[in-house]
């Protein structure tokens, strides 16, 4: 069987990295030929196998393998989702697998294999050819280095069209990039995702400006930073109104009120952006789906932040369609701000 894979191994018990190995070898008929840096081919000039293994060893009692594997006999790895719901399910399942594999509470060794086609990178093409783009989803995500988009959805190259910007805000350039993807890949692209994440630095800045208006003077002359904060302040204000309606006007003066407001504003900002994108594309591309979610840096789940990390429920995991109108946004804000996570941060009894 022809097979190419990239394998990442991690032992996460101690924070100190002990050893890094980079080994590129060719495996054929069960033999491991070290120091062979070129792919082997058989008499018919077909690739037999090639592997690149990167091992990060931190301790010996807990390890997981994340493997990107190419198998040209597996047609499933080359299949394109036929609807936005199918595309959404693929991403949700991929994130579930990634989160479960990296769960440090598990004692057994975990392994996940992600189908990977190197032809998407130009493997096997002549110098005059280039692979076509065939993404099934476009993702507008934050530029935060802790949120590797393809990895957290367990996807390989040429599957996602990723646009990243601080605060996952919808500026002109980002909207233009998404318009390009939707307009140029209509046969394969079924879904647009707005991916926020917990403890977002851009949303934190907007929350601090909202709670301390004098801080706005510090960014008033910095148009680039101010433009990001301005786009997020709508979501911050919506979250603040919901908190005050549910928990009183004094709630935002509590010690952890900033953290509570941040959690709510992060997901409302993503929902608002998803709503805008659905309005943008609905008329010309009625079959295109638009969803949103927030990546939890602790659980590594994409979800709604309704519960603390140790109490995440099934109903809050996954990607969600944005509200349809003002009343829908009000209900979403109230739901988030009445959740266990926000209430625990505010010190409100459950």
Protein backbone atom coordinates (compact mmCIF):
# COMPACT_ATOMS: atom_id res chain seq x y z
CA UNK A 1 0.00 0.00 0.00
CA UNK A 2 1.31 3.42 -0.88
CA UNK A 3 1.45 5.58 2.19
CA UNK A 4 2.86 8.95 3.18
CA UNK A 5 2.46 10.33 6.65
CA UNK A 6 3.58 13.06 8.99
CA UNK A 7 3.58 12.01 12.63
CA UNK A 8 3.74 14.21 15.72
CA UNK A 9 4.22 12.62 19.15
CA UNK A 10 3.83 14.35 22.50
CA UNK A 11 4.39 13.26 26.12
CA UNK A 12 2.78 16.05 28.22
CA UNK A 13 3.69 15.48 31.88
CA UNK A 14 6.47 17.97 32.56
CA UNK A 15 6.89 21.38 30.90
CA UNK A 16 10.51 20.77 30.00
CA UNK A 17 11.20 19.46 26.52
CA UNK A 18 13.78 16.70 26.78
CA UNK A 19 14.52 15.59 23.23
CA UNK A 20 13.57 16.34 19.65
CA UNK A 21 14.19 13.86 16.84
CA UNK A 22 13.69 14.55 13.18
CA UNK A 23 13.72 11.33 11.23
CA UNK A 24 12.88 10.93 7.61
CA UNK A 25 12.83 7.32 6.45
CA UNK A 26 11.38 5.12 3.76
CA UNK A 27 9.37 2.07 4.75
CA UNK A 28 8.68 -0.76 2.33
CA UNK A 29 7.49 -4.27 3.04
CA UNK A 30 8.01 -3.76 6.75
CA UNK A 31 11.62 -2.57 6.46
CA UNK A 32 12.86 0.73 7.81
CA UNK A 33 15.67 2.24 5.71
CA UNK A 34 17.25 5.04 7.76
CA UNK A 35 19.00 8.06 6.28
CA UNK A 36 17.25 7.73 2.94
CA UNK A 37 16.17 11.29 2.25
CA UNK A 38 14.44 10.63 -1.06
CA UNK A 39 11.12 8.93 -1.70
CA UNK A 40 11.36 5.39 -3.06
CA UNK A 41 9.52 4.32 -6.15
CA UNK A 42 8.95 0.85 -7.57
CA UNK A 43 9.57 -0.38 -11.12
CA UNK A 44 6.41 1.35 -12.34
CA UNK A 45 7.71 4.64 -10.90
CA UNK A 46 4.98 4.75 -8.28
CA UNK A 47 5.68 6.08 -4.82
CA UNK A 48 5.95 3.19 -2.34
CA UNK A 49 6.12 5.30 0.81
CA UNK A 50 7.67 8.28 2.52
CA UNK A 51 7.48 9.29 6.15
CA UNK A 52 8.47 12.34 8.12
CA UNK A 53 8.32 11.76 11.86
CA UNK A 54 8.68 14.61 14.35
CA UNK A 55 8.76 13.39 17.95
CA UNK A 56 8.45 15.75 20.91
CA UNK A 57 9.20 13.69 24.03
CA UNK A 58 8.37 15.28 27.36
CA UNK A 59 7.69 12.25 29.60
CA UNK A 60 7.25 8.53 29.26
CA UNK A 61 3.82 7.68 30.69
CA UNK A 62 1.47 9.63 28.39
CA UNK A 63 1.81 9.98 24.64
CA UNK A 64 -0.39 10.74 21.68
CA UNK A 65 0.28 10.46 17.95
CA UNK A 66 -1.22 12.84 15.44
CA UNK A 67 -0.56 11.36 12.00
CA UNK A 68 -1.14 12.96 8.60
CA UNK A 69 -1.26 10.04 6.18
CA UNK A 70 -1.49 9.75 2.41
CA UNK A 71 -3.10 6.65 0.99
CA UNK A 72 -4.04 6.99 -2.72
CA UNK A 73 -6.21 3.87 -2.51
CA UNK A 74 -8.46 5.57 0.06
CA UNK A 75 -11.03 7.57 -1.89
CA UNK A 76 -12.69 8.76 1.33
CA UNK A 77 -9.80 11.17 1.98
CA UNK A 78 -10.50 12.86 -1.34
CA UNK A 79 -14.28 13.17 -0.99
CA UNK A 80 -15.86 16.65 -0.82
CA UNK A 81 -18.87 17.31 1.45
CA UNK A 82 -22.07 17.76 -0.53
CA UNK A 83 -23.82 20.20 1.84
CA UNK A 84 -22.97 22.78 4.46
CA UNK A 85 -24.37 20.55 7.21
CA UNK A 86 -22.11 17.70 6.13
CA UNK A 87 -19.15 20.08 6.07
CA UNK A 88 -20.06 21.34 9.54
CA UNK A 89 -20.31 17.78 10.86
CA UNK A 90 -16.83 17.02 9.51
CA UNK A 91 -15.35 19.96 11.41
CA UNK A 92 -17.21 19.15 14.63
CA UNK A 93 -16.10 15.51 14.51
CA UNK A 94 -12.54 16.57 13.75
CA UNK A 95 -12.48 18.89 16.75
CA UNK A 96 -13.98 16.18 18.95
CA UNK A 97 -11.22 13.77 17.91
CA UNK A 98 -8.53 16.38 18.51
CA UNK A 99 -9.87 17.28 21.96
CA UNK A 100 -10.23 13.65 23.04
CA UNK A 101 -6.78 12.73 21.78
CA UNK A 102 -5.10 15.58 23.69
CA UNK A 103 -7.00 14.93 26.92
CA UNK A 104 -4.27 14.61 29.54
CA UNK A 105 -6.56 12.70 31.92
CA UNK A 106 -6.45 9.61 29.72
CA UNK A 107 -3.78 7.06 30.54
CA UNK A 108 -3.82 4.99 27.38
CA UNK A 109 -1.89 6.00 24.30
CA UNK A 110 -4.02 7.83 21.72
CA UNK A 111 -3.56 7.95 17.96
CA UNK A 112 -5.44 9.89 15.30
CA UNK A 113 -4.86 9.55 11.56
CA UNK A 114 -5.77 12.51 9.37
CA UNK A 115 -6.10 11.79 5.63
CA UNK A 116 -3.56 13.90 3.78
CA UNK A 117 -3.01 14.30 0.04
CA UNK A 118 0.43 15.73 -0.87
CA UNK A 119 -0.83 16.35 -4.40
CA UNK A 120 -2.55 19.37 -2.87
CA UNK A 121 0.97 20.74 -2.28
CA UNK A 122 2.04 20.01 -5.84
CA UNK A 123 3.48 16.54 -5.22
CA UNK A 124 3.84 14.73 -8.52
CA UNK A 125 3.04 17.81 -10.62
CA UNK A 126 5.38 18.96 -13.34
CA UNK A 127 6.98 22.39 -13.21
CA UNK A 128 4.24 23.85 -15.42
CA UNK A 129 1.32 22.60 -13.35
CA UNK A 130 -0.13 23.52 -9.97
CA UNK A 131 -2.79 21.88 -7.81
CA UNK A 132 -6.23 23.46 -7.78
CA UNK A 133 -7.70 24.84 -4.59
CA UNK A 134 -10.58 22.69 -3.33
CA UNK A 135 -11.46 23.86 0.21
CA UNK A 136 -14.81 22.70 1.57
CA UNK A 137 -14.96 25.43 4.24
CA UNK A 138 -13.65 28.95 4.76
CA UNK A 139 -12.69 29.97 8.29
CA UNK A 140 -12.42 33.51 9.62
CA UNK A 141 -10.38 33.08 12.79
CA UNK A 142 -8.24 35.04 15.20
CA UNK A 143 -4.51 35.44 14.56
CA UNK A 144 -3.74 34.13 18.06
CA UNK A 145 -0.83 31.68 17.91
CA UNK A 146 -2.57 29.29 20.34
CA UNK A 147 -5.35 28.51 17.87
CA UNK A 148 -3.95 26.39 14.95
CA UNK A 149 -7.06 26.22 12.78
CA UNK A 150 -6.40 23.11 10.70
CA UNK A 151 -5.06 21.15 13.66
CA UNK A 152 -7.98 21.80 16.03
CA UNK A 153 -10.39 20.62 13.32
CA UNK A 154 -8.10 17.66 12.43
CA UNK A 155 -7.88 18.71 8.78
CA UNK A 156 -5.03 18.70 6.27
CA UNK A 157 -3.91 21.08 3.58
CA UNK A 158 -6.27 22.28 0.83
CA UNK A 159 -9.36 21.51 2.92
CA UNK A 160 -9.83 24.88 4.63
CA UNK A 161 -9.51 28.42 3.27
CA UNK A 162 -8.28 30.23 6.38
CA UNK A 163 -8.38 33.99 6.99
CA UNK A 164 -6.89 35.10 10.31
CA UNK A 165 -6.98 38.51 11.95
CA UNK A 166 -6.90 39.76 15.54
CA UNK A 167 -10.32 39.43 17.13
CA UNK A 168 -11.69 37.62 14.02
CA UNK A 169 -13.18 40.98 12.99
CA UNK A 170 -14.74 41.49 9.58
CA UNK A 171 -12.70 44.29 7.99
CA UNK A 172 -12.66 45.06 4.28
CA UNK A 173 -9.65 42.89 3.52
CA UNK A 174 -11.06 39.89 5.40
CA UNK A 175 -14.45 40.27 3.73
CA UNK A 176 -12.73 40.55 0.37
CA UNK A 177 -10.78 37.34 1.05
CA UNK A 178 -13.96 35.47 1.96
CA UNK A 179 -15.76 36.85 -1.08
CA UNK A 180 -12.91 35.54 -3.19
CA UNK A 181 -13.20 32.06 -1.68
CA UNK A 182 -16.98 31.88 -2.01
CA UNK A 183 -16.92 33.23 -5.55
CA UNK A 184 -14.00 31.17 -6.87
CA UNK A 185 -14.68 27.78 -5.26
CA UNK A 186 -18.47 27.40 -5.49
CA UNK A 187 -18.30 23.69 -6.37
CA UNK A 188 -16.41 22.65 -3.24
CA UNK A 189 -16.88 25.39 -0.63
CA UNK A 190 -20.04 24.69 1.38
CA UNK A 191 -19.47 26.46 4.68
CA UNK A 192 -18.11 29.66 6.25
CA UNK A 193 -17.01 29.47 9.89
CA UNK A 194 -16.29 32.32 12.30
CA UNK A 195 -13.94 30.90 14.91
CA UNK A 196 -13.39 32.89 18.10
CA UNK A 197 -11.46 31.69 21.14
CA UNK A 198 -11.38 32.15 24.90
CA UNK A 199 -9.18 34.86 26.41
CA UNK A 200 -8.82 36.69 23.12
CA UNK A 201 -6.41 39.59 23.40
CA UNK A 202 -8.29 41.82 20.96
CA UNK A 203 -11.60 41.32 22.78
CA UNK A 204 -9.79 41.88 26.10
CA UNK A 205 -8.66 45.28 24.79
CA UNK A 206 -12.22 46.18 23.80
CA UNK A 207 -13.56 45.08 27.20
CA UNK A 208 -10.98 47.20 29.02
CA UNK A 209 -11.88 50.21 26.89
CA UNK A 210 -15.56 49.67 27.65
CA UNK A 211 -15.04 49.37 31.40
CA UNK A 212 -12.49 52.23 31.50
CA UNK A 213 -13.48 54.73 28.77
CA UNK A 214 -10.43 56.85 29.53
CA UNK A 215 -8.33 54.09 27.98
CA UNK A 216 -9.80 54.94 24.59
CA UNK A 217 -7.57 58.01 24.58
CA UNK A 218 -4.54 55.70 24.56
CA UNK A 219 -5.57 54.17 21.23
CA UNK A 220 -7.36 57.19 19.74
CA UNK A 221 -4.46 58.10 17.47
CA UNK A 222 -3.65 54.49 16.54
CA UNK A 223 -6.17 53.90 13.77
CA UNK A 224 -5.20 50.28 13.14
CA UNK A 225 -5.68 49.19 16.76
CA UNK A 226 -8.71 51.43 17.25
CA UNK A 227 -10.46 49.98 14.21
CA UNK A 228 -10.28 46.48 15.72
CA UNK A 229 -11.58 47.61 19.12
CA UNK A 230 -14.38 49.62 17.51
CA UNK A 231 -15.72 46.56 15.69
CA UNK A 232 -15.75 44.48 18.88
CA UNK A 233 -17.33 47.10 21.15
CA UNK A 234 -20.82 46.32 19.82
CA UNK A 235 -20.54 42.76 21.16
CA UNK A 236 -19.05 43.99 24.44
CA UNK A 237 -21.97 46.39 24.93
CA UNK A 238 -24.50 43.64 24.18
CA UNK A 239 -22.84 41.36 26.73
CA UNK A 240 -22.75 44.14 29.34
CA UNK A 241 -26.47 44.86 28.91
CA UNK A 242 -27.30 41.16 29.36
CA UNK A 243 -25.18 40.90 32.52
CA UNK A 244 -26.81 43.98 34.05
CA UNK A 245 -30.34 42.77 33.18
CA UNK A 246 -29.72 39.36 34.76
CA UNK A 247 -27.45 40.20 37.68
CA UNK A 248 -28.00 43.89 38.45
CA UNK A 249 -26.17 47.11 37.64
CA UNK A 250 -23.53 46.42 40.28
CA UNK A 251 -22.47 43.15 38.64
CA UNK A 252 -19.87 44.81 36.42
CA UNK A 253 -18.17 46.35 39.44
CA UNK A 254 -17.36 42.91 40.90
CA UNK A 255 -13.68 41.79 41.00
CA UNK A 256 -14.02 39.20 38.20
CA UNK A 257 -16.53 41.13 36.11
CA UNK A 258 -13.97 41.77 33.37
CA UNK A 259 -13.37 38.04 32.93
CA UNK A 260 -17.11 37.38 32.81
CA UNK A 261 -17.69 40.15 30.29
CA UNK A 262 -14.80 38.84 28.19
CA UNK A 263 -16.24 35.30 27.98
CA UNK A 264 -19.62 36.60 26.83
CA UNK A 265 -18.23 39.20 24.42
CA UNK A 266 -15.95 36.68 22.69
CA UNK A 267 -18.82 34.48 21.51
CA UNK A 268 -21.24 37.35 20.81
CA UNK A 269 -18.61 38.97 18.61
CA UNK A 270 -18.29 35.73 16.62
CA UNK A 271 -22.08 35.37 16.34
CA UNK A 272 -22.42 38.96 15.13
CA UNK A 273 -19.77 38.45 12.47
CA UNK A 274 -21.42 35.21 11.34
CA UNK A 275 -24.74 37.04 11.05
CA UNK A 276 -23.13 39.73 8.87
CA UNK A 277 -21.55 37.09 6.63
CA UNK A 278 -24.83 35.24 6.21
CA UNK A 279 -26.48 38.49 5.11
CA UNK A 280 -23.56 39.13 2.77
CA UNK A 281 -23.76 35.79 0.95
CA UNK A 282 -27.35 34.59 1.29
CA UNK A 283 -28.77 36.15 -1.86
CA UNK A 284 -26.01 35.04 -4.22
CA UNK A 285 -25.20 31.73 -2.51
CA UNK A 286 -28.35 30.49 -0.73
CA UNK A 287 -26.91 26.98 -0.18
CA UNK A 288 -23.85 28.28 1.66
CA UNK A 289 -23.89 27.70 5.41
CA UNK A 290 -22.51 30.16 7.98
CA UNK A 291 -21.75 29.10 11.56
CA UNK A 292 -19.71 30.25 14.55
CA UNK A 293 -18.08 28.88 17.67
CA UNK A 294 -15.48 29.67 20.33
CA UNK A 295 -12.37 27.55 20.87
CA UNK A 296 -11.68 26.77 24.52
CA UNK A 297 -7.94 26.93 25.22
CA UNK A 298 -8.32 24.54 28.18
CA UNK A 299 -10.59 21.80 26.83
CA UNK A 300 -9.60 22.37 23.19
CA UNK A 301 -13.30 22.14 22.31
CA UNK A 302 -15.08 24.49 19.94
CA UNK A 303 -18.24 25.43 21.80
CA UNK A 304 -20.52 28.00 23.40
CA UNK A 305 -19.00 29.12 26.73
CA UNK A 306 -21.93 28.13 28.93
CA UNK A 307 -20.11 26.05 31.55
CA UNK A 308 -16.70 25.99 33.24
CA UNK A 309 -14.06 23.85 31.53
CA UNK A 310 -14.63 20.93 33.92
CA UNK A 311 -18.39 20.85 33.31
CA UNK A 312 -18.77 21.20 29.56
CA UNK A 313 -22.04 19.69 28.33
CA UNK A 314 -22.86 18.13 24.97
CA UNK A 315 -25.33 20.87 24.06
CA UNK A 316 -22.64 23.54 24.08
CA UNK A 317 -20.10 21.63 21.97
CA UNK A 318 -19.82 22.31 18.23
CA UNK A 319 -20.60 25.06 15.74
CA UNK A 320 -23.82 27.04 15.67
CA UNK A 321 -25.92 29.11 13.27
CA UNK A 322 -26.12 32.81 14.18
CA UNK A 323 -29.38 34.41 15.35
CA UNK A 324 -31.79 35.73 12.74
CA UNK A 325 -32.70 39.07 14.30
CA UNK A 326 -32.31 41.44 17.25
CA UNK A 327 -34.50 39.31 19.50
CA UNK A 328 -32.38 36.28 18.66
CA UNK A 329 -29.21 38.11 19.67
CA UNK A 330 -30.83 39.24 22.91
CA UNK A 331 -31.77 35.66 23.73
CA UNK A 332 -28.27 34.42 22.92
CA UNK A 333 -26.69 37.10 25.13
CA UNK A 334 -29.02 36.24 28.00
CA UNK A 335 -28.31 32.54 27.59
CA UNK A 336 -24.55 33.06 27.71
CA UNK A 337 -24.68 35.48 30.64
CA UNK A 338 -27.02 33.22 32.59
CA UNK A 339 -24.73 30.23 32.09
CA UNK A 340 -22.68 28.61 34.83
CA UNK A 341 -19.39 30.02 33.52
CA UNK A 342 -20.33 33.70 33.58
CA UNK A 343 -22.24 33.34 36.85
CA UNK A 344 -19.28 31.63 38.51
CA UNK A 345 -16.96 34.43 37.42
CA UNK A 346 -19.38 37.03 38.77
CA UNK A 347 -19.72 35.14 42.04
CA UNK A 348 -23.45 34.66 41.50
CA UNK A 349 -25.03 31.65 43.17
CA UNK A 350 -26.10 28.92 40.75
